[in-house]
Amino acid sequence: MVHRVQAFYGLDHWTVIDTPIAAFWGLLRDIDRISAERDRRALRLHLTAGRGDAANVQDIQRALMAEMGVPVLPDAPPERDRAGLLALKSMNTDPSARAWRG
């Protein structure tokens, strides 16, 4: 199961091992859901392209554009949280905070 999560999401072994267990099971469950969604979209595109009808192709283009939506752009650049960043960096460099990797 670890290797399946690793391969699907492109994560290294220790990143998967360090994932909290509830998040790991969520990631594992989502693999089939995401794969099914991709397969469904590919099937829909294949069937539409097979018909060769211009109206069907336009319908699928409109549907895909609607699924893509509009990107959300911030009104202003976010303020940086320097104190929070330094706190995160200090946690990352604390050798006692991570398990021994052998």
PDB file of N, CA and C in Angstrom:
ATOM      1  N   MET A   1       0.814  -1.185   0.000  1.00  0.00           N
ATOM      2  CA  MET A   1       0.000   0.000   0.000  1.00  0.00           C
ATOM      3  C   MET A   1       0.866   1.261   0.000  1.00  0.00           C
ATOM      4  N   VAL A   2       1.959   1.219   0.730  1.00  0.00           N
ATOM      5  CA  VAL A   2       2.860   2.369   0.760  1.00  0.00           C
ATOM      6  C   VAL A   2       3.380   2.649  -0.643  1.00  0.00           C
ATOM      7  N   HIS A   3       3.737   1.599  -1.363  1.00  0.00           N
ATOM      8  CA  HIS A   3       4.281   1.780  -2.709  1.00  0.00           C
ATOM      9  C   HIS A   3       3.229   2.314  -3.677  1.00  0.00           C
ATOM     10  N   ARG A   4       1.980   1.940  -3.462  1.00  0.00           N
ATOM     11  CA  ARG A   4       0.911   2.442  -4.327  1.00  0.00           C
ATOM     12  C   ARG A   4       0.749   3.956  -4.142  1.00  0.00           C
ATOM     13  N   VAL A   5       0.743   4.408  -2.899  1.00  0.00           N
ATOM     14  CA  VAL A   5       0.647   5.848  -2.619  1.00  0.00           C
ATOM     15  C   VAL A   5       1.876   6.558  -3.165  1.00  0.00           C
ATOM     16  N   GLN A   6       3.031   5.958  -2.953  1.00  0.00           N
ATOM     17  CA  GLN A   6       4.297   6.513  -3.449  1.00  0.00           C
ATOM     18  C   GLN A   6       4.250   6.729  -4.958  1.00  0.00           C
ATOM     19  N   ALA A   7       3.863   5.709  -5.692  1.00  0.00           N
ATOM     20  CA  ALA A   7       3.868   5.766  -7.152  1.00  0.00           C
ATOM     21  C   ALA A   7       2.816   6.728  -7.686  1.00  0.00           C
ATOM     22  N   PHE A   8       1.624   6.686  -7.121  1.00  0.00           N
ATOM     23  CA  PHE A   8       0.531   7.503  -7.648  1.00  0.00           C
ATOM     24  C   PHE A   8       0.795   8.994  -7.449  1.00  0.00           C
ATOM     25  N   TYR A   9       1.254   9.358  -6.259  1.00  0.00           N
ATOM     26  CA  TYR A   9       1.442  10.769  -5.941  1.00  0.00           C
ATOM     27  C   TYR A   9       2.865  11.261  -6.191  1.00  0.00           C
ATOM     28  N   GLY A  10       3.774  10.356  -6.565  1.00  0.00           N
ATOM     29  CA  GLY A  10       5.160  10.755  -6.829  1.00  0.00           C
ATOM     30  C   GLY A  10       5.901  11.166  -5.572  1.00  0.00           C
ATOM     31  N   LEU A  11       5.635  10.488  -4.476  1.00  0.00           N
ATOM     32  CA  LEU A  11       6.276  10.819  -3.200  1.00  0.00           C
ATOM     33  C   LEU A  11       7.391   9.823  -2.900  1.00  0.00           C
ATOM     34  N   ASP A  12       8.366  10.262  -2.120  1.00  0.00           N
ATOM     35  CA  ASP A  12       9.411   9.317  -1.723  1.00  0.00           C
ATOM     36  C   ASP A  12       8.917   8.484  -0.536  1.00  0.00           C
ATOM     37  N   HIS A  13       9.613   7.402  -0.286  1.00  0.00           N
ATOM     38  CA  HIS A  13       9.204   6.434   0.742  1.00  0.00           C
ATOM     39  C   HIS A  13       9.010   7.088   2.103  1.00  0.00           C
ATOM     40  N   TRP A  14       9.969   7.904   2.534  1.00  0.00           N
ATOM     41  CA  TRP A  14       9.907   8.470   3.885  1.00  0.00           C
ATOM     42  C   TRP A  14       8.822   9.522   4.018  1.00  0.00           C
ATOM     43  N   THR A  15       8.486  10.192   2.949  1.00  0.00           N
ATOM     44  CA  THR A  15       7.373  11.143   3.005  1.00  0.00           C
ATOM     45  C   THR A  15       6.074  10.397   3.258  1.00  0.00           C
ATOM     46  N   VAL A  16       5.903   9.263   2.591  1.00  0.00           N
ATOM     47  CA  VAL A  16       4.694   8.458   2.801  1.00  0.00           C
ATOM     48  C   VAL A  16       4.683   7.888   4.214  1.00  0.00           C
ATOM     49  N   ILE A  17       5.814   7.390   4.665  1.00  0.00           N
ATOM     50  CA  ILE A  17       5.900   6.825   6.016  1.00  0.00           C
ATOM     51  C   ILE A  17       5.599   7.878   7.076  1.00  0.00           C
ATOM     52  N   ASP A  18       6.041   9.124   6.843  1.00  0.00           N
ATOM     53  CA  ASP A  18       5.819  10.207   7.810  1.00  0.00           C
ATOM     54  C   ASP A  18       4.406  10.789   7.760  1.00  0.00           C
ATOM     55  N   THR A  19       3.608  10.387   6.778  1.00  0.00           N
ATOM     56  CA  THR A  19       2.247  10.901   6.652  1.00  0.00           C
ATOM     57  C   THR A  19       1.404  10.387   7.818  1.00  0.00           C
ATOM     58  N   PRO A  20       0.632  11.267   8.465  1.00  0.00           N
ATOM     59  CA  PRO A  20      -0.267  10.792   9.532  1.00  0.00           C
ATOM     60  C   PRO A  20      -1.197   9.707   8.984  1.00  0.00           C
ATOM     61  N   ILE A  21      -1.514   8.736   9.812  1.00  0.00           N
ATOM     62  CA  ILE A  21      -2.228   7.545   9.362  1.00  0.00           C
ATOM     63  C   ILE A  21      -3.583   7.875   8.740  1.00  0.00           C
ATOM     64  N   ALA A  22      -4.330   8.821   9.322  1.00  0.00           N
ATOM     65  CA  ALA A  22      -5.641   9.180   8.750  1.00  0.00           C
ATOM     66  C   ALA A  22      -5.461   9.785   7.353  1.00  0.00           C
ATOM     67  N   ALA A  23      -4.445  10.612   7.181  1.00  0.00           N
ATOM     68  CA  ALA A  23      -4.174  11.210   5.865  1.00  0.00           C
ATOM     69  C   ALA A  23      -3.730  10.133   4.876  1.00  0.00           C
ATOM     70  N   PHE A  24      -2.922   9.170   5.346  1.00  0.00           N
ATOM     71  CA  PHE A  24      -2.476   8.084   4.477  1.00  0.00           C
ATOM     72  C   PHE A  24      -3.666   7.304   3.929  1.00  0.00           C
ATOM     73  N   TRP A  25      -4.609   6.924   4.821  1.00  0.00           N
ATOM     74  CA  TRP A  25      -5.767   6.161   4.361  1.00  0.00           C
ATOM     75  C   TRP A  25      -6.608   6.992   3.403  1.00  0.00           C
ATOM     76  N   GLY A  26      -6.698   8.306   3.634  1.00  0.00           N
ATOM     77  CA  GLY A  26      -7.423   9.183   2.720  1.00  0.00           C
ATOM     78  C   GLY A  26      -6.764   9.222   1.350  1.00  0.00           C
ATOM     79  N   LEU A  27      -5.440   9.337   1.332  1.00  0.00           N
ATOM     80  CA  LEU A  27      -4.705   9.336   0.068  1.00  0.00           C
ATOM     81  C   LEU A  27      -4.911   8.016  -0.676  1.00  0.00           C
ATOM     82  N   LEU A  28      -4.844   6.920   0.056  1.00  0.00           N
ATOM     83  CA  LEU A  28      -5.011   5.600  -0.555  1.00  0.00           C
ATOM     84  C   LEU A  28      -6.405   5.447  -1.158  1.00  0.00           C
ATOM     85  N   ARG A  29      -7.436   5.874  -0.416  1.00  0.00           N
ATOM     86  CA  ARG A  29      -8.814   5.802  -0.922  1.00  0.00           C
ATOM     87  C   ARG A  29      -8.995   6.666  -2.166  1.00  0.00           C
ATOM     88  N   ASP A  30      -8.356   7.820  -2.170  1.00  0.00           N
ATOM     89  CA  ASP A  30      -8.525   8.754  -3.287  1.00  0.00           C
ATOM     90  C   ASP A  30      -7.884   8.261  -4.579  1.00  0.00           C
ATOM     91  N   ILE A  31      -6.958   7.339  -4.513  1.00  0.00           N
ATOM     92  CA  ILE A  31      -6.319   6.840  -5.730  1.00  0.00           C
ATOM     93  C   ILE A  31      -7.366   6.256  -6.679  1.00  0.00           C
ATOM     94  N   ASP A  32      -8.229   5.390  -6.167  1.00  0.00           N
ATOM     95  CA  ASP A  32      -9.261   4.784  -7.017  1.00  0.00           C
ATOM     96  C   ASP A  32     -10.266   5.823  -7.496  1.00  0.00           C
ATOM     97  N   ARG A  33     -10.629   6.766  -6.624  1.00  0.00           N
ATOM     98  CA  ARG A  33     -11.590   7.794  -7.008  1.00  0.00           C
ATOM     99  C   ARG A  33     -11.024   8.673  -8.124  1.00  0.00           C
ATOM    100  N   ILE A  34      -9.786   9.117  -7.970  1.00  0.00           N
ATOM    101  CA  ILE A  34      -9.149   9.975  -8.972  1.00  0.00           C
ATOM    102  C   ILE A  34      -8.941   9.205 -10.274  1.00  0.00           C
ATOM    103  N   SER A  35      -8.518   7.953 -10.157  1.00  0.00           N
ATOM    104  CA  SER A  35      -8.321   7.132 -11.362  1.00  0.00           C
ATOM    105  C   SER A  35      -9.633   6.925 -12.103  1.00  0.00           C
ATOM    106  N   ALA A  36     -10.710   6.679 -11.369  1.00  0.00           N
ATOM    107  CA  ALA A  36     -12.016   6.491 -12.003  1.00  0.00           C
ATOM    108  C   ALA A  36     -12.469   7.776 -12.692  1.00  0.00           C
ATOM    109  N   GLU A  37     -12.210   8.901 -12.072  1.00  0.00           N
ATOM    110  CA  GLU A  37     -12.581  10.183 -12.683  1.00  0.00           C
ATOM    111  C   GLU A  37     -11.810  10.400 -13.984  1.00  0.00           C
ATOM    112  N   ARG A  38     -10.517  10.095 -13.969  1.00  0.00           N
ATOM    113  CA  ARG A  38      -9.706  10.219 -15.187  1.00  0.00           C
ATOM    114  C   ARG A  38     -10.187   9.260 -16.272  1.00  0.00           C
ATOM    115  N   ASP A  39     -10.489   8.027 -15.882  1.00  0.00           N
ATOM    116  CA  ASP A  39     -10.969   7.033 -16.845  1.00  0.00           C
ATOM    117  C   ASP A  39     -12.311   7.453 -17.450  1.00  0.00           C
ATOM    118  N   ARG A  40     -13.194   7.989 -16.599  1.00  0.00           N
ATOM    119  CA  ARG A  40     -14.501   8.442 -17.065  1.00  0.00           C
ATOM    120  C   ARG A  40     -14.350   9.571 -18.077  1.00  0.00           C
ATOM    121  N   ARG A  41     -13.464  10.513 -17.786  1.00  0.00           N
ATOM    122  CA  ARG A  41     -13.229  11.625 -18.704  1.00  0.00           C
ATOM    123  C   ARG A  41     -12.641  11.111 -20.021  1.00  0.00           C
ATOM    124  N   ALA A  42     -11.671  10.201 -19.936  1.00  0.00           N
ATOM    125  CA  ALA A  42     -11.062   9.660 -21.151  1.00  0.00           C
ATOM    126  C   ALA A  42     -12.093   8.908 -21.990  1.00  0.00           C
ATOM    127  N   LEU A  43     -12.956   8.146 -21.342  1.00  0.00           N
ATOM    128  CA  LEU A  43     -14.005   7.418 -22.054  1.00  0.00           C
ATOM    129  C   LEU A  43     -14.959   8.392 -22.742  1.00  0.00           C
ATOM    130  N   ARG A  44     -15.354   9.432 -22.018  1.00  0.00           N
ATOM    131  CA  ARG A  44     -16.262  10.423 -22.591  1.00  0.00           C
ATOM    132  C   ARG A  44     -15.631  11.094 -23.811  1.00  0.00           C
ATOM    133  N   LEU A  45     -14.349  11.455 -23.706  1.00  0.00           N
ATOM    134  CA  LEU A  45     -13.658  12.068 -24.837  1.00  0.00           C
ATOM    135  C   LEU A  45     -13.545  11.104 -26.011  1.00  0.00           C
ATOM    136  N   HIS A  46     -13.234   9.857 -25.707  1.00  0.00           N
ATOM    137  CA  HIS A  46     -13.097   8.846 -26.753  1.00  0.00           C
ATOM    138  C   HIS A  46     -14.417   8.633 -27.495  1.00  0.00           C
ATOM    139  N   LEU A  47     -15.496   8.509 -26.745  1.00  0.00           N
ATOM    140  CA  LEU A  47     -16.800   8.294 -27.365  1.00  0.00           C
ATOM    141  C   LEU A  47     -17.229   9.495 -28.200  1.00  0.00           C
ATOM    142  N   THR A  48     -16.953  10.690 -27.684  1.00  0.00           N
ATOM    143  CA  THR A  48     -17.313  11.899 -28.427  1.00  0.00           C
ATOM    144  C   THR A  48     -16.497  12.014 -29.704  1.00  0.00           C
ATOM    145  N   ALA A  49     -15.204  11.759 -29.606  1.00  0.00           N
ATOM    146  CA  ALA A  49     -14.339  11.849 -30.780  1.00  0.00           C
ATOM    147  C   ALA A  49     -14.715  10.777 -31.801  1.00  0.00           C
ATOM    148  N   GLY A  50     -15.176   9.627 -31.337  1.00  0.00           N
ATOM    149  CA  GLY A  50     -15.559   8.542 -32.232  1.00  0.00           C
ATOM    150  C   GLY A  50     -16.779   8.878 -33.073  1.00  0.00           C
ATOM    151  N   ARG A  51     -17.649   9.712 -32.542  1.00  0.00           N
ATOM    152  CA  ARG A  51     -18.850  10.094 -33.295  1.00  0.00           C
ATOM    153  C   ARG A  51     -18.505  11.078 -34.408  1.00  0.00           C
ATOM    154  N   GLY A  52     -17.500  11.889 -34.168  1.00  0.00           N
ATOM    155  CA  GLY A  52     -17.056  12.829 -35.181  1.00  0.00           C
ATOM    156  C   GLY A  52     -18.025  13.968 -35.461  1.00  0.00           C
ATOM    157  N   ASP A  53     -19.062  14.098 -34.675  1.00  0.00           N
ATOM    158  CA  ASP A  53     -20.049  15.160 -34.866  1.00  0.00           C
ATOM    159  C   ASP A  53     -19.524  16.449 -34.236  1.00  0.00           C
ATOM    160  N   ALA A  54     -19.504  17.519 -35.010  1.00  0.00           N
ATOM    161  CA  ALA A  54     -18.967  18.797 -34.525  1.00  0.00           C
ATOM    162  C   ALA A  54     -19.740  19.300 -33.313  1.00  0.00           C
ATOM    163  N   ALA A  55     -21.042  19.093 -33.277  1.00  0.00           N
ATOM    164  CA  ALA A  55     -21.854  19.542 -32.136  1.00  0.00           C
ATOM    165  C   ALA A  55     -21.456  18.801 -30.868  1.00  0.00           C
ATOM    166  N   ASN A  56     -21.200  17.493 -30.981  1.00  0.00           N
ATOM    167  CA  ASN A  56     -20.770  16.709 -29.812  1.00  0.00           C
ATOM    168  C   ASN A  56     -19.417  17.188 -29.309  1.00  0.00           C
ATOM    169  N   VAL A  57     -18.510  17.479 -30.229  1.00  0.00           N
ATOM    170  CA  VAL A  57     -17.178  17.947 -29.834  1.00  0.00           C
ATOM    171  C   VAL A  57     -17.298  19.288 -29.120  1.00  0.00           C
ATOM    172  N   GLN A  58     -18.139  20.176 -29.634  1.00  0.00           N
ATOM    173  CA  GLN A  58     -18.331  21.473 -28.985  1.00  0.00           C
ATOM    174  C   GLN A  58     -18.962  21.309 -27.608  1.00  0.00           C
ATOM    175  N   ASP A  59     -19.888  20.381 -27.474  1.00  0.00           N
ATOM    176  CA  ASP A  59     -20.514  20.118 -26.172  1.00  0.00           C
ATOM    177  C   ASP A  59     -19.478  19.649 -25.157  1.00  0.00           C
ATOM    178  N   ILE A  60     -18.613  18.738 -25.573  1.00  0.00           N
ATOM    179  CA  ILE A  60     -17.596  18.236 -24.648  1.00  0.00           C
ATOM    180  C   ILE A  60     -16.593  19.335 -24.307  1.00  0.00           C
ATOM    181  N   GLN A  61     -16.260  20.190 -25.264  1.00  0.00           N
ATOM    182  CA  GLN A  61     -15.356  21.305 -24.980  1.00  0.00           C
ATOM    183  C   GLN A  61     -15.977  22.247 -23.955  1.00  0.00           C
ATOM    184  N   ARG A  62     -17.250  22.562 -24.121  1.00  0.00           N
ATOM    185  CA  ARG A  62     -17.929  23.443 -23.158  1.00  0.00           C
ATOM    186  C   ARG A  62     -17.967  22.797 -21.772  1.00  0.00           C
ATOM    187  N   ALA A  63     -18.259  21.509 -21.718  1.00  0.00           N
ATOM    188  CA  ALA A  63     -18.327  20.812 -20.430  1.00  0.00           C
ATOM    189  C   ALA A  63     -16.971  20.809 -19.736  1.00  0.00           C
ATOM    190  N   LEU A  64     -15.907  20.569 -20.508  1.00  0.00           N
ATOM    191  CA  LEU A  64     -14.563  20.558 -19.907  1.00  0.00           C
ATOM    192  C   LEU A  64     -14.151  21.949 -19.454  1.00  0.00           C
ATOM    193  N   MET A  65     -14.498  22.958 -20.218  1.00  0.00           N
ATOM    194  CA  MET A  65     -14.182  24.333 -19.816  1.00  0.00           C
ATOM    195  C   MET A  65     -14.922  24.696 -18.524  1.00  0.00           C
ATOM    196  N   ALA A  66     -16.173  24.240 -18.402  1.00  0.00           N
ATOM    197  CA  ALA A  66     -16.941  24.503 -17.186  1.00  0.00           C
ATOM    198  C   ALA A  66     -16.310  23.789 -15.991  1.00  0.00           C
ATOM    199  N   GLU A  67     -15.807  22.569 -16.194  1.00  0.00           N
ATOM    200  CA  GLU A  67     -15.153  21.829 -15.119  1.00  0.00           C
ATOM    201  C   GLU A  67     -13.866  22.511 -14.680  1.00  0.00           C
ATOM    202  N   MET A  68     -13.141  23.096 -15.649  1.00  0.00           N
ATOM    203  CA  MET A  68     -11.894  23.785 -15.311  1.00  0.00           C
ATOM    204  C   MET A  68     -12.170  24.990 -14.429  1.00  0.00           C
ATOM    205  N   GLY A  69     -13.267  25.685 -14.687  1.00  0.00           N
ATOM    206  CA  GLY A  69     -13.597  26.855 -13.886  1.00  0.00           C
ATOM    207  C   GLY A  69     -12.665  28.013 -14.166  1.00  0.00           C
ATOM    208  N   VAL A  70     -12.744  28.987 -13.301  1.00  0.00           N
ATOM    209  CA  VAL A  70     -11.932  30.189 -13.428  1.00  0.00           C
ATOM    210  C   VAL A  70     -10.924  30.199 -12.283  1.00  0.00           C
ATOM    211  N   PRO A  71      -9.651  30.436 -12.585  1.00  0.00           N
ATOM    212  CA  PRO A  71      -8.672  30.462 -11.497  1.00  0.00           C
ATOM    213  C   PRO A  71      -8.959  31.603 -10.530  1.00  0.00           C
ATOM    214  N   VAL A  72      -8.708  31.349  -9.272  1.00  0.00           N
ATOM    215  CA  VAL A  72      -8.910  32.368  -8.244  1.00  0.00           C
ATOM    216  C   VAL A  72      -7.606  33.143  -8.094  1.00  0.00           C
ATOM    217  N   LEU A  73      -7.693  34.436  -8.322  1.00  0.00           N
ATOM    218  CA  LEU A  73      -6.522  35.293  -8.201  1.00  0.00           C
ATOM    219  C   LEU A  73      -6.699  36.198  -6.985  1.00  0.00           C
ATOM    220  N   PRO A  74      -5.679  36.306  -6.148  1.00  0.00           N
ATOM    221  CA  PRO A  74      -5.806  37.172  -4.977  1.00  0.00           C
ATOM    222  C   PRO A  74      -5.832  38.646  -5.392  1.00  0.00           C
ATOM    223  N   ASP A  75      -6.511  39.452  -4.587  1.00  0.00           N
ATOM    224  CA  ASP A  75      -6.561  40.888  -4.859  1.00  0.00           C
ATOM    225  C   ASP A  75      -5.204  41.544  -4.639  1.00  0.00           C
ATOM    226  N   ALA A  76      -4.475  41.047  -3.655  1.00  0.00           N
ATOM    227  CA  ALA A  76      -3.157  41.600  -3.334  1.00  0.00           C
ATOM    228  C   ALA A  76      -2.252  40.457  -2.910  1.00  0.00           C
ATOM    229  N   PRO A  77      -0.960  40.622  -3.082  1.00  0.00           N
ATOM    230  CA  PRO A  77      -0.065  39.548  -2.638  1.00  0.00           C
ATOM    231  C   PRO A  77      -0.201  39.319  -1.131  1.00  0.00           C
ATOM    232  N   PRO A  78      -0.144  38.059  -0.701  1.00  0.00           N
ATOM    233  CA  PRO A  78      -0.283  37.774   0.733  1.00  0.00           C
ATOM    234  C   PRO A  78       0.922  38.299   1.513  1.00  0.00           C
ATOM    235  N   GLU A  79       0.665  38.681   2.748  1.00  0.00           N
ATOM    236  CA  GLU A  79       1.763  39.116   3.612  1.00  0.00           C
ATOM    237  C   GLU A  79       2.499  37.879   4.111  1.00  0.00           C
ATOM    238  N   ARG A  80       3.792  37.985   4.161  1.00  0.00           N
ATOM    239  CA  ARG A  80       4.587  36.851   4.626  1.00  0.00           C
ATOM    240  C   ARG A  80       4.617  36.819   6.145  1.00  0.00           C
ATOM    241  N   ASP A  81       4.490  35.608   6.656  1.00  0.00           N
ATOM    242  CA  ASP A  81       4.532  35.394   8.098  1.00  0.00           C
ATOM    243  C   ASP A  81       5.944  34.955   8.451  1.00  0.00           C
ATOM    244  N   ARG A  82       6.826  35.915   8.664  1.00  0.00           N
ATOM    245  CA  ARG A  82       8.235  35.610   8.941  1.00  0.00           C
ATOM    246  C   ARG A  82       8.402  34.785  10.209  1.00  0.00           C
ATOM    247  N   ALA A  83       7.684  35.135  11.263  1.00  0.00           N
ATOM    248  CA  ALA A  83       7.813  34.400  12.527  1.00  0.00           C
ATOM    249  C   ALA A  83       7.374  32.943  12.342  1.00  0.00           C
ATOM    250  N   GLY A  84       6.269  32.747  11.617  1.00  0.00           N
ATOM    251  CA  GLY A  84       5.798  31.390  11.372  1.00  0.00           C
ATOM    252  C   GLY A  84       6.777  30.592  10.534  1.00  0.00           C
ATOM    253  N   LEU A  85       7.368  31.233   9.527  1.00  0.00           N
ATOM    254  CA  LEU A  85       8.353  30.569   8.680  1.00  0.00           C
ATOM    255  C   LEU A  85       9.581  30.157   9.496  1.00  0.00           C
ATOM    256  N   LEU A  86      10.051  31.051  10.345  1.00  0.00           N
ATOM    257  CA  LEU A  86      11.211  30.720  11.188  1.00  0.00           C
ATOM    258  C   LEU A  86      10.880  29.574  12.152  1.00  0.00           C
ATOM    259  N   ALA A  87       9.665  29.570  12.680  1.00  0.00           N
ATOM    260  CA  ALA A  87       9.258  28.480  13.577  1.00  0.00           C
ATOM    261  C   ALA A  87       9.246  27.151  12.833  1.00  0.00           C
ATOM    262  N   LEU A  88       8.729  27.143  11.600  1.00  0.00           N
ATOM    263  CA  LEU A  88       8.724  25.911  10.806  1.00  0.00           C
ATOM    264  C   LEU A  88      10.142  25.453  10.495  1.00  0.00           C
ATOM    265  N   LYS A  89      11.005  26.398  10.138  1.00  0.00           N
ATOM    266  CA  LYS A  89      12.394  26.035   9.838  1.00  0.00           C
ATOM    267  C   LYS A  89      13.084  25.460  11.062  1.00  0.00           C
ATOM    268  N   SER A  90      12.820  26.010  12.243  1.00  0.00           N
ATOM    269  CA  SER A  90      13.462  25.489  13.452  1.00  0.00           C
ATOM    270  C   SER A  90      12.974  24.081  13.768  1.00  0.00           C
ATOM    271  N   MET A  91      11.705  23.781  13.457  1.00  0.00           N
ATOM    272  CA  MET A  91      11.187  22.423  13.666  1.00  0.00           C
ATOM    273  C   MET A  91      11.874  21.442  12.721  1.00  0.00           C
ATOM    274  N   ASN A  92      12.149  21.871  11.510  1.00  0.00           N
ATOM    275  CA  ASN A  92      12.755  21.007  10.512  1.00  0.00           C
ATOM    276  C   ASN A  92      14.212  20.688  10.844  1.00  0.00           C
ATOM    277  N   THR A  93      14.905  21.577  11.515  1.00  0.00           N
ATOM    278  CA  THR A  93      16.318  21.347  11.812  1.00  0.00           C
ATOM    279  C   THR A  93      16.544  20.716  13.176  1.00  0.00           C
ATOM    280  N   ASP A  94      15.504  20.536  13.959  1.00  0.00           N
ATOM    281  CA  ASP A  94      15.627  19.925  15.276  1.00  0.00           C
ATOM    282  C   ASP A  94      15.753  18.416  15.100  1.00  0.00           C
ATOM    283  N   PRO A  95      16.953  17.832  15.362  1.00  0.00           N
ATOM    284  CA  PRO A  95      17.138  16.394  15.134  1.00  0.00           C
ATOM    285  C   PRO A  95      16.240  15.510  15.981  1.00  0.00           C
ATOM    286  N   SER A  96      15.777  16.011  17.130  1.00  0.00           N
ATOM    287  CA  SER A  96      14.919  15.183  17.988  1.00  0.00           C
ATOM    288  C   SER A  96      13.483  15.121  17.465  1.00  0.00           C
ATOM    289  N   ALA A  97      13.156  15.987  16.501  1.00  0.00           N
ATOM    290  CA  ALA A  97      11.791  16.030  15.997  1.00  0.00           C
ATOM    291  C   ALA A  97      11.518  14.955  14.946  1.00  0.00           C
ATOM    292  N   ARG A  98      12.538  14.305  14.438  1.00  0.00           N
ATOM    293  CA  ARG A  98      12.345  13.314  13.390  1.00  0.00           C
ATOM    294  C   ARG A  98      12.856  11.952  13.857  1.00  0.00           C
ATOM    295  N   ALA A  99      12.225  10.926  13.373  1.00  0.00           N
ATOM    296  CA  ALA A  99      12.626   9.565  13.735  1.00  0.00           C
ATOM    297  C   ALA A  99      13.949   9.214  13.043  1.00  0.00           C
ATOM    298  N   TRP A 100      14.659   8.324  13.651  1.00  0.00           N
ATOM    299  CA  TRP A 100      15.914   7.855  13.061  1.00  0.00           C
ATOM    300  C   TRP A 100      15.643   7.120  11.771  1.00  0.00           C
ATOM    301  N   ARG A 101      16.421   7.393  10.736  1.00  0.00           N
ATOM    302  CA  ARG A 101      16.179   6.820   9.403  1.00  0.00           C
ATOM    303  C   ARG A 101      17.096   5.646   9.071  1.00  0.00           C
ATOM    304  N   GLY A 102      18.062   5.388   9.902  1.00  0.00           N
ATOM    305  CA  GLY A 102      18.947   4.249   9.667  1.00  0.00           C
ATOM    306  C   GLY A 102      19.671   4.309   8.436  1.00  0.00           C
TER     307      GLY A 102
END
